[in-house]
PDB file of N, CA and C in Angstrom:
ATOM      1  N   UNK A   1       1.049  -1.049  -0.267  1.00  0.00           N
ATOM      2  CA  UNK A   1       0.091  -0.182  -0.088  1.00  0.00           C
ATOM      3  C   UNK A   1       1.017   1.429   0.084  1.00  0.00           C
ATOM      4  N   UNK A   2       0.967   2.288  -0.687  1.00  0.00           N
ATOM      5  CA  UNK A   2       1.358   3.248  -1.541  1.00  0.00           C
ATOM      6  C   UNK A   2       0.747   4.261  -0.783  1.00  0.00           C
ATOM      7  N   UNK A   3       1.179   5.273   0.436  1.00  0.00           N
ATOM      8  CA  UNK A   3       0.573   6.781   0.912  1.00  0.00           C
ATOM      9  C   UNK A   3       1.333   7.734   0.172  1.00  0.00           C
ATOM     10  N   UNK A   4       2.434   7.607  -0.349  1.00  0.00           N
ATOM     11  CA  UNK A   4       2.809   8.916  -0.918  1.00  0.00           C
ATOM     12  C   UNK A   4       3.449   9.899   0.029  1.00  0.00           C
ATOM     13  N   UNK A   5       3.741  10.721  -0.351  1.00  0.00           N
ATOM     14  CA  UNK A   5       3.948  12.080  -0.026  1.00  0.00           C
ATOM     15  C   UNK A   5       3.245  11.814   1.105  1.00  0.00           C
ATOM     16  N   UNK A   6       2.206  12.143   1.543  1.00  0.00           N
ATOM     17  CA  UNK A   6       1.173  12.334   2.553  1.00  0.00           C
ATOM     18  C   UNK A   6       0.938  11.205   3.712  1.00  0.00           C
ATOM     19  N   UNK A   7       1.700   9.601   2.744  1.00  0.00           N
ATOM     20  CA  UNK A   7       1.354   8.937   4.146  1.00  0.00           C
ATOM     21  C   UNK A   7       2.815   9.351   5.095  1.00  0.00           C
ATOM     22  N   UNK A   8       3.941   9.600   4.738  1.00  0.00           N
ATOM     23  CA  UNK A   8       4.808  10.129   4.942  1.00  0.00           C
ATOM     24  C   UNK A   8       4.917  10.757   5.992  1.00  0.00           C
ATOM     25  N   UNK A   9       4.438  12.428   5.530  1.00  0.00           N
ATOM     26  CA  UNK A   9       4.059  12.717   6.821  1.00  0.00           C
ATOM     27  C   UNK A   9       3.510  12.618   7.938  1.00  0.00           C
ATOM     28  N   UNK A  10       2.364  11.587   7.627  1.00  0.00           N
ATOM     29  CA  UNK A  10       1.094  11.226   8.916  1.00  0.00           C
ATOM     30  C   UNK A  10       2.472  10.604   9.689  1.00  0.00           C
ATOM     31  N   UNK A  11       2.811   9.436   9.307  1.00  0.00           N
ATOM     32  CA  UNK A  11       3.811   8.706   9.548  1.00  0.00           C
ATOM     33  C   UNK A  11       4.474   9.552  10.711  1.00  0.00           C
ATOM     34  N   UNK A  12       6.016  10.511  10.028  1.00  0.00           N
ATOM     35  CA  UNK A  12       6.349  10.984  11.065  1.00  0.00           C
ATOM     36  C   UNK A  12       5.797  11.535  11.889  1.00  0.00           C
ATOM     37  N   UNK A  13       4.288  12.202  12.009  1.00  0.00           N
ATOM     38  CA  UNK A  13       3.947  12.775  12.938  1.00  0.00           C
ATOM     39  C   UNK A  13       3.236  12.125  14.317  1.00  0.00           C
ATOM     40  N   UNK A  14       3.246  10.988  13.725  1.00  0.00           N
ATOM     41  CA  UNK A  14       2.757   9.981  14.278  1.00  0.00           C
ATOM     42  C   UNK A  14       3.477   9.409  15.565  1.00  0.00           C
ATOM     43  N   UNK A  15       4.958   9.183  14.833  1.00  0.00           N
ATOM     44  CA  UNK A  15       6.188   8.568  15.126  1.00  0.00           C
ATOM     45  C   UNK A  15       6.969  10.003  16.478  1.00  0.00           C
ATOM     46  N   UNK A  16       6.727  11.204  15.723  1.00  0.00           N
ATOM     47  CA  UNK A  16       7.043  12.492  17.079  1.00  0.00           C
ATOM     48  C   UNK A  16       6.302  13.036  18.123  1.00  0.00           C
ATOM     49  N   UNK A  17       4.789  12.237  17.551  1.00  0.00           N
ATOM     50  CA  UNK A  17       3.847  12.238  18.889  1.00  0.00           C
ATOM     51  C   UNK A  17       4.173  11.234  19.916  1.00  0.00           C
ATOM     52  N   UNK A  18       4.319   9.826  19.369  1.00  0.00           N
ATOM     53  CA  UNK A  18       4.647   8.857  20.702  1.00  0.00           C
ATOM     54  C   UNK A  18       6.089   9.346  21.225  1.00  0.00           C
ATOM     55  N   UNK A  19       7.047   9.644  20.595  1.00  0.00           N
ATOM     56  CA  UNK A  19       8.440  10.042  21.112  1.00  0.00           C
ATOM     57  C   UNK A  19       8.125  10.893  22.301  1.00  0.00           C
ATOM     58  N   UNK A  20       7.801  12.218  21.808  1.00  0.00           N
ATOM     59  CA  UNK A  20       7.809  13.638  22.240  1.00  0.00           C
ATOM     60  C   UNK A  20       6.428  13.611  23.251  1.00  0.00           C
ATOM     61  N   UNK A  21       5.365  13.626  22.720  1.00  0.00           N
ATOM     62  CA  UNK A  21       4.527  13.547  23.699  1.00  0.00           C
ATOM     63  C   UNK A  21       3.479  14.540  22.943  1.00  0.00           C
ATOM     64  N   UNK A  22       1.970  14.687  23.160  1.00  0.00           N
ATOM     65  CA  UNK A  22       1.416  15.870  23.071  1.00  0.00           C
ATOM     66  C   UNK A  22       1.757  17.087  23.692  1.00  0.00           C
ATOM     67  N   UNK A  23       2.553  17.215  24.680  1.00  0.00           N
ATOM     68  CA  UNK A  23       3.054  18.461  25.609  1.00  0.00           C
ATOM     69  C   UNK A  23       4.108  19.245  24.747  1.00  0.00           C
ATOM     70  N   UNK A  24       4.869  18.485  24.605  1.00  0.00           N
ATOM     71  CA  UNK A  24       6.396  18.880  23.705  1.00  0.00           C
ATOM     72  C   UNK A  24       6.686  18.818  22.281  1.00  0.00           C
ATOM     73  N   UNK A  25       5.386  18.914  21.823  1.00  0.00           N
ATOM     74  CA  UNK A  25       5.104  18.551  20.286  1.00  0.00           C
ATOM     75  C   UNK A  25       5.422  20.312  19.667  1.00  0.00           C
ATOM     76  N   UNK A  26       4.462  21.096  20.194  1.00  0.00           N
ATOM     77  CA  UNK A  26       4.607  22.354  20.255  1.00  0.00           C
ATOM     78  C   UNK A  26       5.885  22.921  20.005  1.00  0.00           C
ATOM     79  N   UNK A  27       6.217  23.028  21.180  1.00  0.00           N
ATOM     80  CA  UNK A  27       7.132  23.630  21.895  1.00  0.00           C
ATOM     81  C   UNK A  27       8.379  23.230  20.850  1.00  0.00           C
ATOM     82  N   UNK A  28       8.539  21.848  20.057  1.00  0.00           N
ATOM     83  CA  UNK A  28       9.628  21.586  19.304  1.00  0.00           C
ATOM     84  C   UNK A  28       9.022  22.166  18.198  1.00  0.00           C
ATOM     85  N   UNK A  29       8.198  21.950  17.393  1.00  0.00           N
ATOM     86  CA  UNK A  29       7.857  22.621  16.261  1.00  0.00           C
ATOM     87  C   UNK A  29       8.179  24.044  16.414  1.00  0.00           C
ATOM     88  N   UNK A  30       7.833  24.803  17.319  1.00  0.00           N
ATOM     89  CA  UNK A  30       8.170  26.621  17.304  1.00  0.00           C
ATOM     90  C   UNK A  30       9.699  26.865  17.279  1.00  0.00           C
ATOM     91  N   UNK A  31      10.645  25.797  17.557  1.00  0.00           N
ATOM     92  CA  UNK A  31      11.582  25.927  17.554  1.00  0.00           C
ATOM     93  C   UNK A  31      12.204  25.054  16.328  1.00  0.00           C
ATOM     94  N   UNK A  32      11.448  24.338  15.280  1.00  0.00           N
ATOM     95  CA  UNK A  32      12.397  23.979  14.091  1.00  0.00           C
ATOM     96  C   UNK A  32      11.528  24.898  13.434  1.00  0.00           C
ATOM     97  N   UNK A  33      10.198  25.356  13.666  1.00  0.00           N
ATOM     98  CA  UNK A  33      10.025  26.709  12.377  1.00  0.00           C
ATOM     99  C   UNK A  33      11.207  28.160  12.703  1.00  0.00           C
ATOM    100  N   UNK A  34      11.527  28.634  14.514  1.00  0.00           N
ATOM    101  CA  UNK A  34      12.591  29.631  14.132  1.00  0.00           C
ATOM    102  C   UNK A  34      14.090  29.427  13.310  1.00  0.00           C
ATOM    103  N   UNK A  35      14.267  27.906  13.856  1.00  0.00           N
ATOM    104  CA  UNK A  35      15.438  27.403  12.816  1.00  0.00           C
ATOM    105  C   UNK A  35      15.339  27.560  11.641  1.00  0.00           C
ATOM    106  N   UNK A  36      14.152  27.105  10.877  1.00  0.00           N
ATOM    107  CA  UNK A  36      14.249  27.796   9.825  1.00  0.00           C
ATOM    108  C   UNK A  36      13.919  28.548   9.182  1.00  0.00           C
ATOM    109  N   UNK A  37      13.493  29.976   9.925  1.00  0.00           N
ATOM    110  CA  UNK A  37      13.868  31.324   9.428  1.00  0.00           C
ATOM    111  C   UNK A  37      14.800  31.583   9.628  1.00  0.00           C
ATOM    112  N   UNK A  38      15.364  31.446  10.885  1.00  0.00           N
ATOM    113  CA  UNK A  38      16.423  32.055  10.668  1.00  0.00           C
ATOM    114  C   UNK A  38      17.668  31.535   9.572  1.00  0.00           C
ATOM    115  N   UNK A  39      17.481  30.218   9.352  1.00  0.00           N
ATOM    116  CA  UNK A  39      18.271  29.679   7.961  1.00  0.00           C
ATOM    117  C   UNK A  39      17.867  30.139   6.475  1.00  0.00           C
ATOM    118  N   UNK A  40      16.594  30.412   6.511  1.00  0.00           N
ATOM    119  CA  UNK A  40      16.252  31.461   5.110  1.00  0.00           C
ATOM    120  C   UNK A  40      16.410  32.541   5.308  1.00  0.00           C
ATOM    121  N   UNK A  41      16.862  33.423   6.557  1.00  0.00           N
ATOM    122  CA  UNK A  41      17.026  34.759   6.490  1.00  0.00           C
ATOM    123  C   UNK A  41      18.485  35.142   6.416  1.00  0.00           C
ATOM    124  N   UNK A  42      19.194  33.624   6.752  1.00  0.00           N
ATOM    125  CA  UNK A  42      20.858  33.869   6.676  1.00  0.00           C
ATOM    126  C   UNK A  42      21.523  33.669   5.034  1.00  0.00           C
ATOM    127  N   UNK A  43      19.942  32.850   4.116  1.00  0.00           N
ATOM    128  CA  UNK A  43      20.781  32.761   2.731  1.00  0.00           C
ATOM    129  C   UNK A  43      20.233  33.411   2.265  1.00  0.00           C
ATOM    130  N   UNK A  44      19.151  34.253   2.952  1.00  0.00           N
ATOM    131  CA  UNK A  44      18.874  35.313   1.573  1.00  0.00           C
ATOM    132  C   UNK A  44      19.724  36.874   1.438  1.00  0.00           C
ATOM    133  N   UNK A  45      20.138  36.599   2.578  1.00  0.00           N
ATOM    134  CA  UNK A  45      21.467  37.824   3.343  1.00  0.00           C
ATOM    135  C   UNK A  45      22.505  37.319   2.684  1.00  0.00           C
ATOM    136  N   UNK A  46      23.134  36.249   2.370  1.00  0.00           N
ATOM    137  CA  UNK A  46      24.210  35.594   1.787  1.00  0.00           C
ATOM    138  C   UNK A  46      24.147  35.728   0.000  1.00  0.00           C
ATOM    139  N   UNK A  47      22.586  35.148  -0.337  1.00  0.00           N
ATOM    140  CA  UNK A  47      22.872  35.499  -2.023  1.00  0.00           C
ATOM    141  C   UNK A  47      23.103  37.192  -2.237  1.00  0.00           C
ATOM    142  N   UNK A  48      22.100  37.901  -1.269  1.00  0.00           N
ATOM    143  CA  UNK A  48      22.195  38.860  -1.383  1.00  0.00           C
ATOM    144  C   UNK A  48      24.152  39.411  -1.585  1.00  0.00           C
ATOM    145  N   UNK A  49      24.496  39.106  -0.419  1.00  0.00           N
ATOM    146  CA  UNK A  49      26.083  39.744  -0.903  1.00  0.00           C
ATOM    147  C   UNK A  49      26.948  38.908  -1.913  1.00  0.00           C
ATOM    148  N   UNK A  50      26.459  38.121  -2.637  1.00  0.00           N
ATOM    149  CA  UNK A  50      27.359  37.287  -3.651  1.00  0.00           C
ATOM    150  C   UNK A  50      26.714  37.904  -4.670  1.00  0.00           C
ATOM    151  N   UNK A  51      25.328  38.453  -4.960  1.00  0.00           N
ATOM    152  CA  UNK A  51      24.552  39.293  -6.229  1.00  0.00           C
ATOM    153  C   UNK A  51      24.963  40.913  -6.106  1.00  0.00           C
ATOM    154  N   UNK A  52      25.182  41.742  -5.011  1.00  0.00           N
ATOM    155  CA  UNK A  52      26.224  42.868  -5.087  1.00  0.00           C
ATOM    156  C   UNK A  52      27.063  43.002  -5.100  1.00  0.00           C
ATOM    157  N   UNK A  53      28.265  41.797  -5.166  1.00  0.00           N
ATOM    158  CA  UNK A  53      29.841  41.733  -5.534  1.00  0.00           C
ATOM    159  C   UNK A  53      29.600  41.751  -7.045  1.00  0.00           C
ATOM    160  N   UNK A  54      28.872  40.460  -7.555  1.00  0.00           N
ATOM    161  CA  UNK A  54      28.518  40.291  -8.897  1.00  0.00           C
ATOM    162  C   UNK A  54      28.277  41.764  -9.867  1.00  0.00           C
ATOM    163  N   UNK A  55      27.332  42.413  -9.331  1.00  0.00           N
ATOM    164  CA  UNK A  55      26.989  44.231  -9.671  1.00  0.00           C
ATOM    165  C   UNK A  55      28.228  44.853  -9.526  1.00  0.00           C
ATOM    166  N   UNK A  56      28.778  44.838  -8.425  1.00  0.00           N
ATOM    167  CA  UNK A  56      30.014  45.454  -8.772  1.00  0.00           C
ATOM    168  C   UNK A  56      31.066  45.036  -9.839  1.00  0.00           C
ATOM    169  N   UNK A  57      31.636  43.861  -9.685  1.00  0.00           N
ATOM    170  CA  UNK A  57      32.395  43.297 -10.860  1.00  0.00           C
ATOM    171  C   UNK A  57      31.611  44.030 -11.951  1.00  0.00           C
ATOM    172  N   UNK A  58      30.601  43.640 -12.246  1.00  0.00           N
ATOM    173  CA  UNK A  58      30.177  43.420 -14.116  1.00  0.00           C
ATOM    174  C   UNK A  58      30.418  45.252 -13.963  1.00  0.00           C
ATOM    175  N   UNK A  59      29.957  46.276 -13.073  1.00  0.00           N
ATOM    176  CA  UNK A  59      29.730  47.897 -13.315  1.00  0.00           C
ATOM    177  C   UNK A  59      31.637  47.874 -13.542  1.00  0.00           C
ATOM    178  N   UNK A  60      32.544  47.380 -13.025  1.00  0.00           N
ATOM    179  CA  UNK A  60      33.939  47.890 -12.550  1.00  0.00           C
ATOM    180  C   UNK A  60      34.364  47.460 -14.544  1.00  0.00           C
ATOM    181  N   UNK A  61      34.067  46.034 -14.629  1.00  0.00           N
ATOM    182  CA  UNK A  61      33.857  45.985 -16.323  1.00  0.00           C
ATOM    183  C   UNK A  61      33.404  46.658 -17.278  1.00  0.00           C
ATOM    184  N   UNK A  62      32.596  46.995 -16.841  1.00  0.00           N
ATOM    185  CA  UNK A  62      31.581  48.383 -17.791  1.00  0.00           C
ATOM    186  C   UNK A  62      32.266  49.467 -17.920  1.00  0.00           C
ATOM    187  N   UNK A  63      33.071  50.664 -16.925  1.00  0.00           N
ATOM    188  CA  UNK A  63      33.593  51.449 -16.663  1.00  0.00           C
ATOM    189  C   UNK A  63      34.389  51.587 -17.963  1.00  0.00           C
ATOM    190  N   UNK A  64      33.494  52.744 -18.753  1.00  0.00           N
ATOM    191  CA  UNK A  64      33.928  52.932 -20.161  1.00  0.00           C
ATOM    192  C   UNK A  64      35.882  53.919 -19.683  1.00  0.00           C
ATOM    193  N   UNK A  65      35.999  54.158 -18.957  1.00  0.00           N
ATOM    194  CA  UNK A  65      37.340  54.561 -18.298  1.00  0.00           C
ATOM    195  C   UNK A  65      38.508  54.125 -18.422  1.00  0.00           C
ATOM    196  N   UNK A  66      38.137  52.891 -17.710  1.00  0.00           N
ATOM    197  CA  UNK A  66      39.517  52.270 -17.577  1.00  0.00           C
ATOM    198  C   UNK A  66      39.560  51.692 -18.786  1.00  0.00           C
ATOM    199  N   UNK A  67      38.675  51.269 -19.652  1.00  0.00           N
ATOM    200  CA  UNK A  67      39.382  51.082 -21.074  1.00  0.00           C
ATOM    201  C   UNK A  67      39.640  52.369 -22.156  1.00  0.00           C
ATOM    202  N   UNK A  68      39.554  53.535 -21.681  1.00  0.00           N
ATOM    203  CA  UNK A  68      39.486  54.353 -22.666  1.00  0.00           C
ATOM    204  C   UNK A  68      41.057  55.306 -21.928  1.00  0.00           C
ATOM    205  N   UNK A  69      41.086  55.664 -20.861  1.00  0.00           N
ATOM    206  CA  UNK A  69      42.266  55.888 -19.993  1.00  0.00           C
ATOM    207  C   UNK A  69      43.330  55.820 -21.189  1.00  0.00           C
ATOM    208  N   UNK A  70      43.922  54.573 -21.392  1.00  0.00           N
ATOM    209  CA  UNK A  70      45.204  54.323 -22.761  1.00  0.00           C
ATOM    210  C   UNK A  70      45.012  55.257 -23.908  1.00  0.00           C
ATOM    211  N   UNK A  71      43.758  54.629 -24.151  1.00  0.00           N
ATOM    212  CA  UNK A  71      43.931  55.760 -26.185  1.00  0.00           C
ATOM    213  C   UNK A  71      43.538  57.127 -25.607  1.00  0.00           C
ATOM    214  N   UNK A  72      43.204  57.614 -24.413  1.00  0.00           N
ATOM    215  CA  UNK A  72      43.558  58.732 -24.097  1.00  0.00           C
ATOM    216  C   UNK A  72      44.334  60.002 -23.905  1.00  0.00           C
ATOM    217  N   UNK A  73      45.419  58.531 -23.178  1.00  0.00           N
ATOM    218  CA  UNK A  73      46.750  59.362 -22.476  1.00  0.00           C
ATOM    219  C   UNK A  73      47.549  59.129 -24.221  1.00  0.00           C
ATOM    220  N   UNK A  74      47.094  58.564 -24.948  1.00  0.00           N
ATOM    221  CA  UNK A  74      48.330  58.347 -26.691  1.00  0.00           C
ATOM    222  C   UNK A  74      48.117  59.172 -27.325  1.00  0.00           C
ATOM    223  N   UNK A  75      46.294  59.978 -27.035  1.00  0.00           N
ATOM    224  CA  UNK A  75      45.922  60.990 -28.357  1.00  0.00           C
ATOM    225  C   UNK A  75      46.833  62.061 -27.374  1.00  0.00           C
ATOM    226  N   UNK A  76      46.463  62.012 -26.196  1.00  0.00           N
ATOM    227  CA  UNK A  76      46.994  63.572 -25.646  1.00  0.00           C
ATOM    228  C   UNK A  76      48.129  63.967 -25.839  1.00  0.00           C
ATOM    229  N   UNK A  77      49.228  62.411 -25.453  1.00  0.00           N
ATOM    230  CA  UNK A  77      50.712  62.747 -26.244  1.00  0.00           C
ATOM    231  C   UNK A  77      51.069  62.558 -27.317  1.00  0.00           C
ATOM    232  N   UNK A  78      50.105  62.620 -28.817  1.00  0.00           N
ATOM    233  CA  UNK A  78      50.013  63.094 -29.841  1.00  0.00           C
ATOM    234  C   UNK A  78      50.218  64.643 -29.896  1.00  0.00           C
ATOM    235  N   UNK A  79      48.948  65.268 -29.114  1.00  0.00           N
ATOM    236  CA  UNK A  79      48.776  66.339 -29.532  1.00  0.00           C
ATOM    237  C   UNK A  79      49.315  67.042 -28.541  1.00  0.00           C
ATOM    238  N   UNK A  80      50.036  66.867 -27.599  1.00  0.00           N
ATOM    239  CA  UNK A  80      50.935  67.925 -26.756  1.00  0.00           C
ATOM    240  C   UNK A  80      52.558  68.638 -27.450  1.00  0.00           C
ATOM    241  N   UNK A  81      52.647  67.953 -28.976  1.00  0.00           N
ATOM    242  CA  UNK A  81      53.313  68.874 -29.364  1.00  0.00           C
ATOM    243  C   UNK A  81      53.638  70.114 -29.640  1.00  0.00           C
ATOM    244  N   UNK A  82      53.927  70.608 -30.863  1.00  0.00           N
ATOM    245  CA  UNK A  82      53.740  72.281 -31.319  1.00  0.00           C
ATOM    246  C   UNK A  82      53.235  72.175 -32.064  1.00  0.00           C
ATOM    247  N   UNK A  83      52.726  71.184 -32.836  1.00  0.00           N
ATOM    248  CA  UNK A  83      52.190  71.395 -33.640  1.00  0.00           C
ATOM    249  C   UNK A  83      50.390  72.389 -33.637  1.00  0.00           C
ATOM    250  N   UNK A  84      50.279  73.262 -34.630  1.00  0.00           N
ATOM    251  CA  UNK A  84      49.139  74.596 -35.123  1.00  0.00           C
ATOM    252  C   UNK A  84      47.856  73.483 -35.272  1.00  0.00           C
ATOM    253  N   UNK A  85      46.680  73.329 -33.988  1.00  0.00           N
ATOM    254  CA  UNK A  85      45.708  72.889 -34.543  1.00  0.00           C
ATOM    255  C   UNK A  85      44.351  73.499 -35.290  1.00  0.00           C
ATOM    256  N   UNK A  86      45.155  74.671 -35.174  1.00  0.00           N
ATOM    257  CA  UNK A  86      43.475  75.658 -35.650  1.00  0.00           C
ATOM    258  C   UNK A  86      43.409  75.025 -37.332  1.00  0.00           C
ATOM    259  N   UNK A  87      42.444  75.694 -37.895  1.00  0.00           N
ATOM    260  CA  UNK A  87      42.023  75.157 -38.881  1.00  0.00           C
ATOM    261  C   UNK A  87      43.190  75.884 -40.191  1.00  0.00           C
ATOM    262  N   UNK A  88      44.149  76.954 -39.860  1.00  0.00           N
ATOM    263  CA  UNK A  88      45.016  77.431 -40.820  1.00  0.00           C
ATOM    264  C   UNK A  88      46.022  76.690 -40.417  1.00  0.00           C
ATOM    265  N   UNK A  89      46.592  76.071 -39.558  1.00  0.00           N
ATOM    266  CA  UNK A  89      47.593  75.203 -38.842  1.00  0.00           C
ATOM    267  C   UNK A  89      47.479  73.840 -39.786  1.00  0.00           C
ATOM    268  N   UNK A  90      46.415  73.834 -40.016  1.00  0.00           N
ATOM    269  CA  UNK A  90      45.541  71.988 -40.599  1.00  0.00           C
ATOM    270  C   UNK A  90      45.508  72.711 -41.819  1.00  0.00           C
ATOM    271  N   UNK A  91      45.320  73.420 -42.630  1.00  0.00           N
ATOM    272  CA  UNK A  91      45.404  74.251 -43.907  1.00  0.00           C
ATOM    273  C   UNK A  91      47.111  73.776 -44.839  1.00  0.00           C
ATOM    274  N   UNK A  92      48.086  74.378 -43.602  1.00  0.00           N
ATOM    275  CA  UNK A  92      49.346  74.595 -43.653  1.00  0.00           C
ATOM    276  C   UNK A  92      49.797  73.052 -43.955  1.00  0.00           C
ATOM    277  N   UNK A  93      49.326  72.362 -42.875  1.00  0.00           N
ATOM    278  CA  UNK A  93      50.429  70.899 -43.108  1.00  0.00           C
ATOM    279  C   UNK A  93      49.644  69.747 -44.295  1.00  0.00           C
ATOM    280  N   UNK A  94      48.003  70.404 -44.790  1.00  0.00           N
ATOM    281  CA  UNK A  94      48.198  69.719 -46.049  1.00  0.00           C
ATOM    282  C   UNK A  94      48.558  70.116 -47.020  1.00  0.00           C
ATOM    283  N   UNK A  95      48.841  71.610 -47.040  1.00  0.00           N
ATOM    284  CA  UNK A  95      49.699  72.024 -48.589  1.00  0.00           C
ATOM    285  C   UNK A  95      51.249  71.309 -48.096  1.00  0.00           C
ATOM    286  N   UNK A  96      51.499  71.452 -47.279  1.00  0.00           N
ATOM    287  CA  UNK A  96      53.546  70.510 -47.211  1.00  0.00           C
ATOM    288  C   UNK A  96      52.797  69.400 -47.765  1.00  0.00           C
ATOM    289  N   UNK A  97      51.392  68.429 -46.871  1.00  0.00           N
ATOM    290  CA  UNK A  97      51.791  67.332 -47.635  1.00  0.00           C
ATOM    291  C   UNK A  97      51.581  67.012 -49.296  1.00  0.00           C
ATOM    292  N   UNK A  98      51.028  67.866 -49.578  1.00  0.00           N
ATOM    293  CA  UNK A  98      50.616  67.929 -51.195  1.00  0.00           C
ATOM    294  C   UNK A  98      51.873  68.404 -51.948  1.00  0.00           C
ATOM    295  N   UNK A  99      52.371  68.655 -51.543  1.00  0.00           N
ATOM    296  CA  UNK A  99      53.848  69.593 -52.357  1.00  0.00           C
ATOM    297  C   UNK A  99      54.706  68.359 -52.089  1.00  0.00           C
ATOM    298  N   UNK A 100      55.168  67.649 -50.945  1.00  0.00           N
ATOM    299  CA  UNK A 100      56.195  66.733 -50.953  1.00  0.00           C
ATOM    300  C   UNK A 100      55.643  65.487 -51.692  1.00  0.00           C
ATOM    301  N   UNK A 101      53.869  65.116 -51.981  1.00  0.00           N
ATOM    302  CA  UNK A 101      53.554  64.251 -52.533  1.00  0.00           C
ATOM    303  C   UNK A 101      53.563  64.634 -54.234  1.00  0.00           C
ATOM    304  N   UNK A 102      53.560  65.499 -54.663  1.00  0.00           N
ATOM    305  CA  UNK A 102      53.892  65.633 -56.009  1.00  0.00           C
ATOM    306  C   UNK A 102      55.035  65.258 -56.331  1.00  0.00           C
ATOM    307  N   UNK A 103      55.183  64.921 -57.701  1.00  0.00           N
ATOM    308  CA  UNK A 103      56.431  63.823 -58.487  1.00  0.00           C
ATOM    309  C   UNK A 103      56.979  65.183 -58.771  1.00  0.00           C
ATOM    310  N   UNK A 104      58.164  65.252 -58.515  1.00  0.00           N
ATOM    311  CA  UNK A 104      58.720  66.092 -59.066  1.00  0.00           C
ATOM    312  C   UNK A 104      60.017  65.323 -60.514  1.00  0.00           C
ATOM    313  N   UNK A 105      59.659  64.879 -61.715  1.00  0.00           N
ATOM    314  CA  UNK A 105      60.116  64.215 -62.308  1.00  0.00           C
ATOM    315  C   UNK A 105      60.616  65.186 -63.568  1.00  0.00           C
TER     316      UNK A 105
END
């Protein structure tokens, strides 16, 4: 005869009633309930800490300044020369390049 899950619960309840008696059974049930609630709270707190650390790591990886800083340093190093970055300076550089690329055969 298969009682299934409910049959097992009834068997355990009867066994607990026989072992502990009707007076101690509510006290034991309250204690088990408190322990389970404390375990659930601790588990949720632990999961929250894990999720927070993962979120921090993802934010650090997604920080564009961390990836762009080397490129910005390289560009600013190129710009820090004595070149003229005005429109007139750009036109002068362009005309100089055009003069150098024209073949003088």
